């Protein structure tokens, strides 16, 4: 017969092992980084769609391509 406190001790050891295990941590970090990159890309798309920004960029390209010698 096992000791009455053996089961809780075994459960605590098992829980401690699982909490110490960092398997999957890299995957979670990649997921968070990917979500941040997608959010940043969405913000850039929203900014680029604005008429004011589009006008500034168009003017910048026109001035860069014009030749004044």
PDB file of N, CA and C in Angstrom:
ATOM      1  N   UNK A   1       0.841  -1.193   0.000  1.00  0.00           N
ATOM      2  CA  UNK A   1       0.000   0.000   0.000  1.00  0.00           C
ATOM      3  C   UNK A   1       0.886   1.256   0.000  1.00  0.00           C
ATOM      4  N   UNK A   2       0.494   2.231  -0.803  1.00  0.00           N
ATOM      5  CA  UNK A   2       1.283   3.466  -0.892  1.00  0.00           C
ATOM      6  C   UNK A   2       0.916   4.395   0.244  1.00  0.00           C
ATOM      7  N   UNK A   3       1.816   5.262   0.524  1.00  0.00           N
ATOM      8  CA  UNK A   3       1.614   6.261   1.572  1.00  0.00           C
ATOM      9  C   UNK A   3       0.536   7.246   1.134  1.00  0.00           C
ATOM     10  N   UNK A   4      -0.324   7.728   2.049  1.00  0.00           N
ATOM     11  CA  UNK A   4      -1.425   8.627   1.656  1.00  0.00           C
ATOM     12  C   UNK A   4      -0.970   9.930   1.007  1.00  0.00           C
ATOM     13  N   UNK A   5       0.245  10.367   1.284  1.00  0.00           N
ATOM     14  CA  UNK A   5       0.699  11.632   0.681  1.00  0.00           C
ATOM     15  C   UNK A   5       1.497  11.400  -0.596  1.00  0.00           C
ATOM     16  N   UNK A   6       1.642  10.148  -1.032  1.00  0.00           N
ATOM     17  CA  UNK A   6       2.434   9.855  -2.227  1.00  0.00           C
ATOM     18  C   UNK A   6       1.781  10.410  -3.488  1.00  0.00           C
ATOM     19  N   UNK A   7       0.472  10.293  -3.598  1.00  0.00           N
ATOM     20  CA  UNK A   7      -0.232  10.771  -4.796  1.00  0.00           C
ATOM     21  C   UNK A   7      -0.105  12.283  -4.959  1.00  0.00           C
ATOM     22  N   UNK A   8      -0.353  13.074  -3.911  1.00  0.00           N
ATOM     23  CA  UNK A   8      -0.166  14.525  -4.079  1.00  0.00           C
ATOM     24  C   UNK A   8       1.276  14.903  -4.410  1.00  0.00           C
ATOM     25  N   UNK A   9       2.246  14.188  -3.816  1.00  0.00           N
ATOM     26  CA  UNK A   9       3.645  14.487  -4.123  1.00  0.00           C
ATOM     27  C   UNK A   9       3.952  14.182  -5.579  1.00  0.00           C
ATOM     28  N   UNK A  10       3.437  13.051  -6.059  1.00  0.00           N
ATOM     29  CA  UNK A  10       3.645  12.687  -7.457  1.00  0.00           C
ATOM     30  C   UNK A  10       3.000  13.722  -8.372  1.00  0.00           C
ATOM     31  N   UNK A  11       1.803  14.152  -8.019  1.00  0.00           N
ATOM     32  CA  UNK A  11       1.112  15.165  -8.824  1.00  0.00           C
ATOM     33  C   UNK A  11       1.888  16.477  -8.820  1.00  0.00           C
ATOM     34  N   UNK A  12       2.443  16.850  -7.670  1.00  0.00           N
ATOM     35  CA  UNK A  12       3.228  18.085  -7.593  1.00  0.00           C
ATOM     36  C   UNK A  12       4.492  17.983  -8.423  1.00  0.00           C
ATOM     37  N   UNK A  13       5.159  16.831  -8.378  1.00  0.00           N
ATOM     38  CA  UNK A  13       6.360  16.654  -9.203  1.00  0.00           C
ATOM     39  C   UNK A  13       6.011  16.751 -10.685  1.00  0.00           C
ATOM     40  N   UNK A  14       4.911  16.111 -11.061  1.00  0.00           N
ATOM     41  CA  UNK A  14       4.488  16.138 -12.464  1.00  0.00           C
ATOM     42  C   UNK A  14       4.162  17.565 -12.901  1.00  0.00           C
ATOM     43  N   UNK A  15       3.466  18.300 -12.046  1.00  0.00           N
ATOM     44  CA  UNK A  15       3.123  19.689 -12.344  1.00  0.00           C
ATOM     45  C   UNK A  15       4.382  20.540 -12.448  1.00  0.00           C
ATOM     46  N   UNK A  16       5.322  20.336 -11.538  1.00  0.00           N
ATOM     47  CA  UNK A  16       6.572  21.101 -11.562  1.00  0.00           C
ATOM     48  C   UNK A  16       7.340  20.824 -12.850  1.00  0.00           C
ATOM     49  N   UNK A  17       7.357  19.564 -13.291  1.00  0.00           N
ATOM     50  CA  UNK A  17       8.044  19.223 -14.547  1.00  0.00           C
ATOM     51  C   UNK A  17       7.388  19.930 -15.726  1.00  0.00           C
ATOM     52  N   UNK A  18       6.063  19.925 -15.730  1.00  0.00           N
ATOM     53  CA  UNK A  18       5.348  20.571 -16.842  1.00  0.00           C
ATOM     54  C   UNK A  18       5.551  22.082 -16.849  1.00  0.00           C
ATOM     55  N   UNK A  19       5.575  22.677 -15.664  1.00  0.00           N
ATOM     56  CA  UNK A  19       5.773  24.125 -15.594  1.00  0.00           C
ATOM     57  C   UNK A  19       7.199  24.509 -15.983  1.00  0.00           C
ATOM     58  N   UNK A  20       8.137  23.658 -15.710  1.00  0.00           N
ATOM     59  CA  UNK A  20       9.532  23.928 -16.037  1.00  0.00           C
ATOM     60  C   UNK A  20       9.814  23.707 -17.521  1.00  0.00           C
ATOM     61  N   UNK A  21       9.036  22.853 -18.155  1.00  0.00           N
ATOM     62  CA  UNK A  21       9.242  22.526 -19.567  1.00  0.00           C
ATOM     63  C   UNK A  21       8.889  23.732 -20.422  1.00  0.00           C
ATOM     64  N   UNK A  22       9.811  24.171 -21.288  1.00  0.00           N
ATOM     65  CA  UNK A  22       9.549  25.335 -22.142  1.00  0.00           C
ATOM     66  C   UNK A  22       9.322  24.938 -23.592  1.00  0.00           C
ATOM     67  N   UNK A  23       8.927  23.698 -23.806  1.00  0.00           N
ATOM     68  CA  UNK A  23       8.633  23.249 -25.167  1.00  0.00           C
ATOM     69  C   UNK A  23       7.467  24.053 -25.723  1.00  0.00           C
ATOM     70  N   UNK A  24       7.619  24.564 -26.920  1.00  0.00           N
ATOM     71  CA  UNK A  24       6.580  25.376 -27.538  1.00  0.00           C
ATOM     72  C   UNK A  24       6.772  26.865 -27.322  1.00  0.00           C
ATOM     73  N   UNK A  25       7.731  27.260 -26.486  1.00  0.00           N
ATOM     74  CA  UNK A  25       7.940  28.680 -26.215  1.00  0.00           C
ATOM     75  C   UNK A  25       8.394  29.417 -27.469  1.00  0.00           C
ATOM     76  N   UNK A  26       9.269  28.791 -28.253  1.00  0.00           N
ATOM     77  CA  UNK A  26       9.742  29.440 -29.482  1.00  0.00           C
ATOM     78  C   UNK A  26       8.586  29.642 -30.456  1.00  0.00           C
ATOM     79  N   UNK A  27       7.697  28.666 -30.541  1.00  0.00           N
ATOM     80  CA  UNK A  27       6.538  28.797 -31.425  1.00  0.00           C
ATOM     81  C   UNK A  27       5.659  29.959 -30.988  1.00  0.00           C
ATOM     82  N   UNK A  28       5.458  30.112 -29.693  1.00  0.00           N
ATOM     83  CA  UNK A  28       4.653  31.227 -29.186  1.00  0.00           C
ATOM     84  C   UNK A  28       5.323  32.560 -29.500  1.00  0.00           C
ATOM     85  N   UNK A  29       6.643  32.606 -29.377  1.00  0.00           N
ATOM     86  CA  UNK A  29       7.353  33.845 -29.693  1.00  0.00           C
ATOM     87  C   UNK A  29       7.232  34.182 -31.175  1.00  0.00           C
ATOM     88  N   UNK A  30       7.330  33.187 -32.029  1.00  0.00           N
ATOM     89  CA  UNK A  30       7.145  33.425 -33.464  1.00  0.00           C
ATOM     90  C   UNK A  30       5.731  33.916 -33.750  1.00  0.00           C
ATOM     91  N   UNK A  31       4.755  33.343 -33.081  1.00  0.00           N
ATOM     92  CA  UNK A  31       3.363  33.753 -33.298  1.00  0.00           C
ATOM     93  C   UNK A  31       3.159  35.208 -32.885  1.00  0.00           C
ATOM     94  N   UNK A  32       3.702  35.599 -31.759  1.00  0.00           N
ATOM     95  CA  UNK A  32       3.553  36.983 -31.294  1.00  0.00           C
ATOM     96  C   UNK A  32       4.269  37.948 -32.235  1.00  0.00           C
ATOM     97  N   UNK A  33       5.463  37.575 -32.677  1.00  0.00           N
ATOM     98  CA  UNK A  33       6.209  38.421 -33.618  1.00  0.00           C
ATOM     99  C   UNK A  33       5.462  38.564 -34.937  1.00  0.00           C
ATOM    100  N   UNK A  34       4.894  37.466 -35.415  1.00  0.00           N
ATOM    101  CA  UNK A  34       4.140  37.504 -36.670  1.00  0.00           C
ATOM    102  C   UNK A  34       2.908  38.393 -36.525  1.00  0.00           C
ATOM    103  N   UNK A  35       2.213  38.290 -35.403  1.00  0.00           N
ATOM    104  CA  UNK A  35       1.027  39.131 -35.186  1.00  0.00           C
ATOM    105  C   UNK A  35       1.413  40.609 -35.145  1.00  0.00           C
ATOM    106  N   UNK A  36       2.544  40.925 -34.513  1.00  0.00           N
ATOM    107  CA  UNK A  36       2.996  42.316 -34.456  1.00  0.00           C
ATOM    108  C   UNK A  36       3.358  42.823 -35.850  1.00  0.00           C
ATOM    109  N   UNK A  37       4.003  41.983 -36.645  1.00  0.00           N
ATOM    110  CA  UNK A  37       4.368  42.383 -38.006  1.00  0.00           C
ATOM    111  C   UNK A  37       3.125  42.621 -38.860  1.00  0.00           C
ATOM    112  N   UNK A  38       2.128  41.779 -38.713  1.00  0.00           N
ATOM    113  CA  UNK A  38       0.881  41.952 -39.473  1.00  0.00           C
ATOM    114  C   UNK A  38       0.176  43.234 -39.048  1.00  0.00           C
ATOM    115  N   UNK A  39       0.163  43.517 -37.761  1.00  0.00           N
ATOM    116  CA  UNK A  39      -0.462  44.752 -37.283  1.00  0.00           C
ATOM    117  C   UNK A  39       0.269  45.972 -37.835  1.00  0.00           C
ATOM    118  N   UNK A  40       1.598  45.926 -37.854  1.00  0.00           N
ATOM    119  CA  UNK A  40       2.387  47.039 -38.384  1.00  0.00           C
ATOM    120  C   UNK A  40       2.134  47.205 -39.879  1.00  0.00           C
ATOM    121  N   UNK A  41       2.058  46.106 -40.609  1.00  0.00           N
ATOM    122  CA  UNK A  41       1.769  46.179 -42.046  1.00  0.00           C
ATOM    123  C   UNK A  41       0.384  46.772 -42.282  1.00  0.00           C
ATOM    124  N   UNK A  42      -0.576  46.391 -41.466  1.00  0.00           N
ATOM    125  CA  UNK A  42      -1.924  46.953 -41.588  1.00  0.00           C
ATOM    126  C   UNK A  42      -1.931  48.449 -41.347  1.00  0.00           C
ATOM    127  N   UNK A  43      -1.146  48.881 -40.377  1.00  0.00           N
ATOM    128  CA  UNK A  43      -1.036  50.312 -40.106  1.00  0.00           C
ATOM    129  C   UNK A  43      -0.413  51.044 -41.287  1.00  0.00           C
ATOM    130  N   UNK A  44       0.633  50.469 -41.866  1.00  0.00           N
ATOM    131  CA  UNK A  44       1.256  51.090 -43.038  1.00  0.00           C
ATOM    132  C   UNK A  44       0.294  51.168 -44.217  1.00  0.00           C
ATOM    133  N   UNK A  45      -0.487  50.118 -44.429  1.00  0.00           N
ATOM    134  CA  UNK A  45      -1.467  50.137 -45.523  1.00  0.00           C
ATOM    135  C   UNK A  45      -2.486  51.245 -45.289  1.00  0.00           C
ATOM    136  N   UNK A  46      -2.949  51.387 -44.057  1.00  0.00           N
ATOM    137  CA  UNK A  46      -3.926  52.439 -43.748  1.00  0.00           C
ATOM    138  C   UNK A  46      -3.328  53.819 -43.993  1.00  0.00           C
ATOM    139  N   UNK A  47      -2.070  54.000 -43.619  1.00  0.00           N
ATOM    140  CA  UNK A  47      -1.417  55.289 -43.827  1.00  0.00           C
ATOM    141  C   UNK A  47      -1.232  55.560 -45.319  1.00  0.00           C
ATOM    142  N   UNK A  48      -0.807  54.549 -46.053  1.00  0.00           N
ATOM    143  CA  UNK A  48      -0.536  54.729 -47.483  1.00  0.00           C
ATOM    144  C   UNK A  48      -1.808  54.997 -48.286  1.00  0.00           C
ATOM    145  N   UNK A  49      -2.936  54.586 -47.772  1.00  0.00           N
ATOM    146  CA  UNK A  49      -4.191  54.815 -48.497  1.00  0.00           C
ATOM    147  C   UNK A  49      -4.719  56.228 -48.344  1.00  0.00           C
ATOM    148  N   UNK A  50      -4.182  56.974 -47.403  1.00  0.00           N
ATOM    149  CA  UNK A  50      -4.687  58.334 -47.195  1.00  0.00           C
ATOM    150  C   UNK A  50      -4.258  59.223 -48.363  1.00  0.00           C
ATOM    151  N   UNK A  51      -5.131  60.105 -48.759  1.00  0.00           N
ATOM    152  CA  UNK A  51      -4.867  60.990 -49.898  1.00  0.00           C
ATOM    153  C   UNK A  51      -3.684  61.918 -49.634  1.00  0.00           C
ATOM    154  N   UNK A  52      -3.556  62.374 -48.406  1.00  0.00           N
ATOM    155  CA  UNK A  52      -2.468  63.301 -48.084  1.00  0.00           C
ATOM    156  C   UNK A  52      -1.106  62.625 -48.258  1.00  0.00           C
ATOM    157  N   UNK A  53      -0.968  61.430 -47.745  1.00  0.00           N
ATOM    158  CA  UNK A  53       0.296  60.705 -47.867  1.00  0.00           C
ATOM    159  C   UNK A  53       0.566  60.361 -49.325  1.00  0.00           C
ATOM    160  N   UNK A  54      -0.462  59.940 -50.026  1.00  0.00           N
ATOM    161  CA  UNK A  54      -0.294  59.615 -51.448  1.00  0.00           C
ATOM    162  C   UNK A  54       0.185  60.835 -52.223  1.00  0.00           C
ATOM    163  N   UNK A  55      -0.365  62.000 -51.920  1.00  0.00           N
ATOM    164  CA  UNK A  55       0.061  63.239 -52.582  1.00  0.00           C
ATOM    165  C   UNK A  55       1.508  63.589 -52.261  1.00  0.00           C
ATOM    166  N   UNK A  56       1.888  63.426 -51.001  1.00  0.00           N
ATOM    167  CA  UNK A  56       3.270  63.712 -50.605  1.00  0.00           C
ATOM    168  C   UNK A  56       4.230  62.791 -51.340  1.00  0.00           C
ATOM    169  N   UNK A  57       3.920  61.508 -51.396  1.00  0.00           N
ATOM    170  CA  UNK A  57       4.800  60.551 -52.070  1.00  0.00           C
ATOM    171  C   UNK A  57       4.869  60.795 -53.571  1.00  0.00           C
ATOM    172  N   UNK A  58       3.730  61.124 -54.173  1.00  0.00           N
ATOM    173  CA  UNK A  58       3.711  61.414 -55.609  1.00  0.00           C
ATOM    174  C   UNK A  58       4.562  62.634 -55.906  1.00  0.00           C
ATOM    175  N   UNK A  59       4.423  63.679 -55.100  1.00  0.00           N
ATOM    176  CA  UNK A  59       5.228  64.889 -55.282  1.00  0.00           C
ATOM    177  C   UNK A  59       6.712  64.592 -55.097  1.00  0.00           C
ATOM    178  N   UNK A  60       7.040  63.765 -54.120  1.00  0.00           N
ATOM    179  CA  UNK A  60       8.430  63.399 -53.871  1.00  0.00           C
ATOM    180  C   UNK A  60       9.040  62.658 -55.065  1.00  0.00           C
ATOM    181  N   UNK A  61       8.282  61.739 -55.627  1.00  0.00           N
ATOM    182  CA  UNK A  61       8.771  60.982 -56.787  1.00  0.00           C
ATOM    183  C   UNK A  61       8.911  61.889 -57.990  1.00  0.00           C
ATOM    184  N   UNK A  62       7.952  62.776 -58.208  1.00  0.00           N
ATOM    185  CA  UNK A  62       8.032  63.717 -59.351  1.00  0.00           C
ATOM    186  C   UNK A  62       9.256  64.608 -59.246  1.00  0.00           C
ATOM    187  N   UNK A  63       9.511  65.127 -58.036  1.00  0.00           N
ATOM    188  CA  UNK A  63      10.688  65.980 -57.852  1.00  0.00           C
ATOM    189  C   UNK A  63      11.989  65.193 -58.020  1.00  0.00           C
ATOM    190  N   UNK A  64      11.988  63.963 -57.585  1.00  0.00           N
ATOM    191  CA  UNK A  64      13.196  63.139 -57.711  1.00  0.00           C
ATOM    192  C   UNK A  64      13.473  62.788 -59.163  1.00  0.00           C
ATOM    193  N   UNK A  65      12.430  62.614 -59.975  1.00  0.00           N
ATOM    194  CA  UNK A  65      12.607  62.223 -61.368  1.00  0.00           C
ATOM    195  C   UNK A  65      12.755  63.412 -62.315  1.00  0.00           C
ATOM    196  N   UNK A  66      12.433  64.594 -61.837  1.00  0.00           N
ATOM    197  CA  UNK A  66      12.558  65.756 -62.738  1.00  0.00           C
ATOM    198  C   UNK A  66      14.027  66.158 -62.840  1.00  0.00           C
ATOM    199  N   UNK A  67      14.381  66.601 -64.017  1.00  0.00           N
ATOM    200  CA  UNK A  67      15.757  66.972 -64.267  1.00  0.00           C
ATOM    201  C   UNK A  67      15.840  68.474 -64.448  1.00  0.00           C
ATOM    202  N   UNK A  68      16.517  69.116 -63.543  1.00  0.00           N
ATOM    203  CA  UNK A  68      16.721  70.542 -63.661  1.00  0.00           C
ATOM    204  C   UNK A  68      18.227  70.786 -63.676  1.00  0.00           C
ATOM    205  N   UNK A  69      18.745  71.023 -64.797  1.00  0.00           N
ATOM    206  CA  UNK A  69      20.185  71.161 -64.901  1.00  0.00           C
ATOM    207  C   UNK A  69      20.586  72.476 -65.268  1.00  0.00           C
TER     208      UNK A  69
END
